[in-house]
Protein backbone atom coordinates (compact mmCIF):
# COMPACT_ATOMS: atom_id res chain seq x y z
CA MET A 1 -59.13 -15.16 52.13
CA GLN A 2 -62.51 -16.01 53.62
CA GLY A 3 -65.20 -13.81 52.11
CA ARG A 4 -66.05 -12.16 48.85
CA PRO A 5 -64.10 -11.57 45.61
CA CYS A 6 -61.78 -8.57 45.67
CA GLY A 7 -61.84 -7.61 41.97
CA ILE A 8 -58.68 -7.07 39.92
CA VAL A 9 -55.07 -7.35 41.07
CA VAL A 10 -52.53 -5.54 38.85
CA ASP A 11 -48.86 -6.53 38.89
CA LYS A 12 -46.18 -5.02 36.65
CA LEU A 13 -44.09 -8.20 36.98
CA PRO A 14 -44.73 -11.53 35.23
CA ALA A 15 -45.78 -13.53 38.29
CA ALA A 16 -47.15 -13.11 41.80
CA GLY A 17 -44.36 -12.70 44.35
CA TYR A 18 -41.82 -12.18 41.58
CA GLY A 19 -40.26 -9.07 43.10
CA SER A 20 -38.42 -8.63 46.40
CA THR A 21 -40.82 -11.03 48.13
CA SER A 22 -39.10 -13.93 46.41
CA SER A 23 -35.84 -12.93 48.14
CA THR A 24 -37.19 -12.23 51.62
CA CYS A 25 -35.91 -14.37 54.49
CA ALA A 26 -39.62 -14.76 55.40
CA ILE A 27 -39.09 -14.62 59.16
CA ILE A 28 -42.39 -14.55 61.05
CA ARG A 29 -41.76 -12.50 64.20
CA THR A 30 -43.70 -10.36 66.64
CA HIS A 31 -41.06 -7.99 68.09
CA TYR A 32 -41.96 -4.55 66.77
CA SER A 33 -41.27 -1.20 68.38
CA THR A 34 -44.93 -0.13 68.33
CA LEU A 35 -48.02 -1.74 69.83
CA GLU A 36 -49.90 -1.56 66.52
CA GLY A 37 -47.08 -3.23 64.60
CA THR A 38 -46.80 -5.93 67.24
CA ALA A 39 -50.56 -6.57 67.13
CA VAL A 40 -50.63 -6.91 63.33
CA ALA A 41 -47.62 -9.24 63.37
CA TYR A 42 -49.09 -11.44 66.10
CA GLU A 43 -52.49 -11.61 64.40
CA SER A 44 -50.81 -12.55 61.11
CA SER A 45 -48.89 -15.37 62.77
CA PHE A 46 -52.14 -17.24 63.44
CA TYR A 47 -52.93 -17.25 59.72
CA TRP A 48 -49.45 -18.42 58.76
CA LYS A 49 -49.80 -21.30 61.22
CA ASN A 50 -53.14 -22.23 59.64
CA TRP A 51 -52.31 -21.34 56.05
CA ALA A 52 -54.64 -23.83 54.36
CA ALA A 53 -57.60 -22.57 56.41
CA TYR A 54 -56.73 -18.95 55.62
CA LEU A 55 -56.73 -19.81 51.92
CA ASN A 56 -59.97 -21.78 52.36
CA GLN A 57 -58.26 -24.83 50.89
CA LYS A 58 -60.07 -27.99 51.99
CA THR A 59 -57.51 -30.29 50.34
CA PRO A 60 -54.14 -28.57 50.84
CA LYS A 61 -51.57 -29.31 48.15
CA ASP A 62 -48.28 -27.63 47.33
CA LEU A 63 -48.75 -24.98 49.98
CA ALA A 64 -46.02 -22.95 51.65
CA ARG A 65 -45.41 -24.04 55.24
CA PHE A 66 -44.76 -22.20 58.47
CA ILE A 67 -41.78 -23.70 60.32
CA GLN A 68 -42.03 -22.83 64.01
CA THR A 69 -38.48 -22.70 65.32
CA GLY A 70 -38.81 -19.93 67.87
CA ALA A 71 -36.56 -16.87 67.64
CA VAL A 72 -33.82 -15.64 69.94
CA VAL A 73 -33.05 -11.92 69.88
CA PHE A 74 -30.13 -10.11 71.49
CA ASN A 75 -28.53 -6.70 71.08
CA ASN A 76 -25.78 -4.41 72.33
CA LYS A 77 -25.46 -3.79 76.06
CA ASN A 78 -27.20 -0.39 75.99
CA PHE A 79 -30.26 -1.47 74.02
CA ASP A 80 -33.57 -0.95 75.84
CA TRP A 81 -35.94 -3.90 75.43
CA SER A 82 -38.65 -2.43 77.71
CA LYS A 83 -41.13 -1.35 75.02
CA TYR A 84 -40.91 -4.69 73.23
CA ILE A 85 -41.61 -6.49 76.50
CA LYS A 86 -44.43 -4.05 77.30
CA HIS A 87 -46.14 -4.67 73.93
CA HIS A 88 -45.92 -8.44 74.32
CA ASP A 89 -47.33 -8.25 77.83
CA ALA A 90 -50.20 -6.03 76.66
CA LEU A 91 -51.15 -8.51 73.90
CA LYS A 92 -50.39 -11.62 75.98
CA ILE A 93 -47.79 -12.86 73.48
CA PRO A 94 -45.57 -15.64 74.90
CA TYR A 95 -41.89 -14.86 75.38
CA GLU A 96 -39.02 -15.80 77.66
CA ILE A 97 -36.26 -13.65 79.15
CA TRP A 98 -32.87 -15.35 79.18
CA THR A 99 -29.49 -14.32 80.46
CA PRO A 100 -26.45 -14.57 78.18
CA ALA A 101 -25.41 -17.62 80.22
CA GLN A 102 -28.73 -19.31 79.44
CA LEU A 103 -28.30 -18.43 75.77
CA LEU A 104 -24.90 -20.16 75.68
CA GLU A 105 -26.25 -23.14 77.58
CA ARG A 106 -29.21 -23.65 75.28
CA MET A 107 -27.47 -22.59 72.06
CA PRO A 108 -23.75 -23.30 72.48
CA HIS A 109 -22.99 -22.36 68.87
CA PHE A 110 -23.44 -18.69 69.88
CA VAL A 111 -20.95 -16.40 71.60
CA ASP A 112 -21.83 -13.55 73.93
CA ASP A 113 -19.24 -11.16 72.52
CA SER A 114 -20.49 -7.86 71.10
CA TYR A 115 -19.00 -6.32 67.98
CA PHE A 116 -21.13 -3.18 68.34
CA PRO A 117 -21.00 -0.63 66.79
CA PRO A 118 -21.02 -1.86 63.20
CA ARG A 119 -17.90 -0.91 61.24
CA ARG A 120 -17.10 -0.73 57.56
CA PRO A 121 -14.46 -3.13 56.21
CA ASP A 122 -12.14 -0.20 55.55
CA ASP A 123 -12.31 0.88 59.21
CA PRO A 124 -8.90 0.33 60.90
CA GLU A 125 -10.72 -1.29 63.85
CA PHE A 126 -12.80 -3.65 61.69
CA PHE A 127 -10.71 -6.72 62.57
CA ASN A 128 -10.20 -5.84 66.22
CA SER A 129 -11.26 -8.38 68.83
CA PRO A 130 -14.48 -7.55 70.71
CA VAL A 131 -14.08 -5.69 73.98
CA ASP A 132 -17.71 -5.85 75.09
CA LYS A 133 -20.48 -8.33 75.80
CA ILE A 134 -24.08 -8.42 74.59
CA ASN A 135 -27.04 -7.00 76.48
CA PRO A 136 -27.80 -8.89 79.72
CA VAL A 137 -31.38 -9.34 78.48
CA VAL A 138 -31.85 -11.99 75.78
CA LEU A 139 -35.39 -12.51 74.48
CA PHE A 140 -36.78 -15.79 73.16
CA PHE A 141 -40.09 -15.87 71.28
CA PRO A 142 -41.27 -19.50 71.06
CA GLY A 143 -44.06 -18.82 68.55
CA ASN A 144 -41.83 -17.32 65.87
CA GLY A 145 -40.41 -19.07 62.82
CA TYR A 146 -40.24 -18.72 59.05
CA ILE A 147 -42.05 -19.59 55.83
CA ASN A 148 -40.25 -22.28 53.86
CA ASP A 149 -40.99 -20.73 50.43
CA PRO A 150 -42.15 -17.09 50.35
CA GLN A 151 -42.73 -16.95 46.60
CA LEU A 152 -44.85 -20.09 46.79
CA SER A 153 -46.92 -18.48 49.55
CA VAL A 154 -47.79 -15.60 47.21
CA GLU A 155 -48.59 -18.03 44.41
CA ASN A 156 -50.89 -19.81 46.89
CA LEU A 157 -52.65 -16.49 47.44
CA ARG A 158 -53.01 -15.90 43.71
CA GLN A 159 -54.54 -19.30 43.09
CA ALA A 160 -56.90 -19.03 46.05
CA SER A 161 -57.94 -15.53 44.98
CA GLU A 162 -58.70 -16.64 41.45
CA LEU A 163 -60.86 -19.44 42.81
CA ASN A 164 -62.73 -16.73 44.69
CA GLY A 165 -63.31 -14.69 41.54
CA THR A 166 -60.33 -12.34 41.46
CA THR A 167 -58.67 -11.48 38.14
CA PHE A 168 -54.89 -11.07 38.00
CA MET A 169 -53.35 -8.80 35.36
CA LEU A 170 -49.62 -9.58 35.18
CA ASN A 171 -47.10 -7.54 33.21
CA SER A 172 -49.63 -4.75 33.46
CA ASP A 173 -50.02 -1.19 34.66
CA LEU A 174 -53.10 0.94 35.28
CA ASP A 175 -53.89 4.45 36.43
CA GLY A 176 -55.82 4.54 39.69
CA PHE A 177 -55.36 1.73 42.17
CA TYR A 178 -55.08 0.91 45.86
CA LEU A 179 -51.57 0.22 47.15
CA ALA A 180 -50.15 -0.94 50.49
CA ASN A 181 -46.56 0.28 50.77
CA GLY A 182 -44.05 -1.81 52.70
CA THR A 183 -40.77 -3.65 52.42
CA SER A 184 -40.55 -7.40 52.03
CA GLY A 185 -38.23 -7.53 55.04
CA ASN A 186 -40.63 -5.63 57.26
CA GLN A 187 -44.14 -6.39 56.03
CA TYR A 188 -44.12 -9.80 54.34
CA LYS A 189 -44.85 -11.42 57.70
CA ASN A 190 -47.91 -9.18 58.08
CA GLY A 191 -49.35 -10.01 54.67
CA PRO A 192 -52.42 -11.91 55.92
CA VAL A 193 -53.65 -8.97 57.99
CA ILE A 194 -52.55 -6.33 55.47
CA GLY A 195 -54.86 -8.09 53.02
CA GLN A 196 -57.75 -7.72 55.46
CA ILE A 197 -56.90 -4.05 56.05
CA MET A 198 -56.85 -3.35 52.32
CA ALA A 199 -60.15 -5.16 51.79
CA ARG A 200 -61.75 -3.07 54.54
CA ILE A 201 -60.33 0.20 53.17
CA ILE A 202 -61.28 -0.56 49.56
CA GLU A 203 -64.84 -1.52 50.50
CA ALA A 204 -65.25 1.60 52.63
CA CYS A 205 -63.77 4.00 50.05
CA GLU A 206 -65.70 2.49 47.14
CA ASN A 207 -68.84 3.18 49.17
CA GLY A 208 -67.95 6.83 49.62
CA HIS A 209 -66.09 6.77 52.94
CA ASP A 210 -63.27 9.30 53.42
CA HIS A 211 -60.55 7.08 54.88
CA ASP A 212 -58.05 9.97 55.12
CA ARG A 213 -60.43 11.98 57.27
CA GLU A 214 -61.81 9.06 59.29
CA PRO A 215 -59.56 5.97 59.10
CA VAL A 216 -61.36 2.66 59.22
CA THR A 217 -60.80 0.20 62.05
CA LEU A 218 -60.27 -3.54 61.95
CA MET A 219 -60.88 -5.95 64.82
CA LEU A 220 -58.01 -8.42 65.12
CA ASN A 221 -59.95 -11.42 66.39
CA HIS A 222 -57.10 -13.68 67.51
CA THR A 223 -55.30 -10.82 69.23
CA ASP A 224 -58.45 -9.17 70.62
CA TYR A 225 -57.24 -5.76 69.47
CA ASN A 226 -59.21 -3.08 67.62
CA LEU A 227 -56.75 -1.63 65.10
CA ASN A 228 -57.03 1.97 63.95
CA THR A 229 -55.61 1.65 60.44
CA GLY A 230 -54.83 5.37 60.41
CA PHE A 231 -51.69 4.43 62.33
CA PHE A 232 -50.28 3.24 58.98
CA SER A 233 -51.60 6.17 56.93
CA ARG A 234 -49.34 8.03 54.52
CA ASN A 235 -50.63 11.19 56.23
CA ARG A 236 -49.65 10.15 59.76
CA ASP A 237 -47.27 12.09 61.94
CA ILE A 238 -43.81 10.63 62.52
CA VAL A 239 -44.11 7.77 65.01
CA GLY A 240 -41.68 8.60 67.77
CA ASP A 241 -41.58 5.05 69.13
CA SER A 242 -40.51 3.60 65.78
CA SER A 243 -37.09 2.00 65.42
CA PHE A 244 -36.79 3.89 62.08
CA SER A 245 -35.38 0.71 60.60
CA VAL A 246 -36.57 -2.44 58.86
CA LEU A 247 -37.15 -3.88 62.34
CA GLY A 248 -40.33 -1.80 62.50
């Protein structure tokens, strides 16, 4: 939010964050299947952890809060964690590798049984007992957590933006606008950096730059990573390393 006014924000719904964002589980995580996605998520986590500073609020009041719980992630026995580990190593993101035994020791409310693959309730094997165990690699990300009130976080953004000169048009629709596509389950956590990306793209395009031909870049200062925003372009080729799921 530091910087200059960003003009007019148009929302077809009656309030900021009124759509699927209000129902997101708001998990702040860094495990993405691509380096670029991991970098954006990690950079965003710094802003969530310092939300009042990001909003430029000198006297924080009624702000959403980041709750740092850490996150444990496990999968079926054949899942390959190598690219997730590689991306975290490349960006120096803290993580721990546990065994299933360590998982049960530290979190005894879990079990190490695997019910993979998923089955529909009408599958004759749906109620069968598990015959397998989880992957021998269990990952723990100590810096992860969640936002206690995702809709409030968007309302915080609206209020801070208006203080910075932005006009919000709710219950409105206009022809011609800039839009960042994403799901609340996949991209809510990246909101702080997506806002910076959009500001950079809008400023460049309004000054005559052809972003489709020459995508702008954005330096992620906390992560020390120069992001080519063309990676997220609607014109990009299919990303082979993607999980092709909401996991990203």
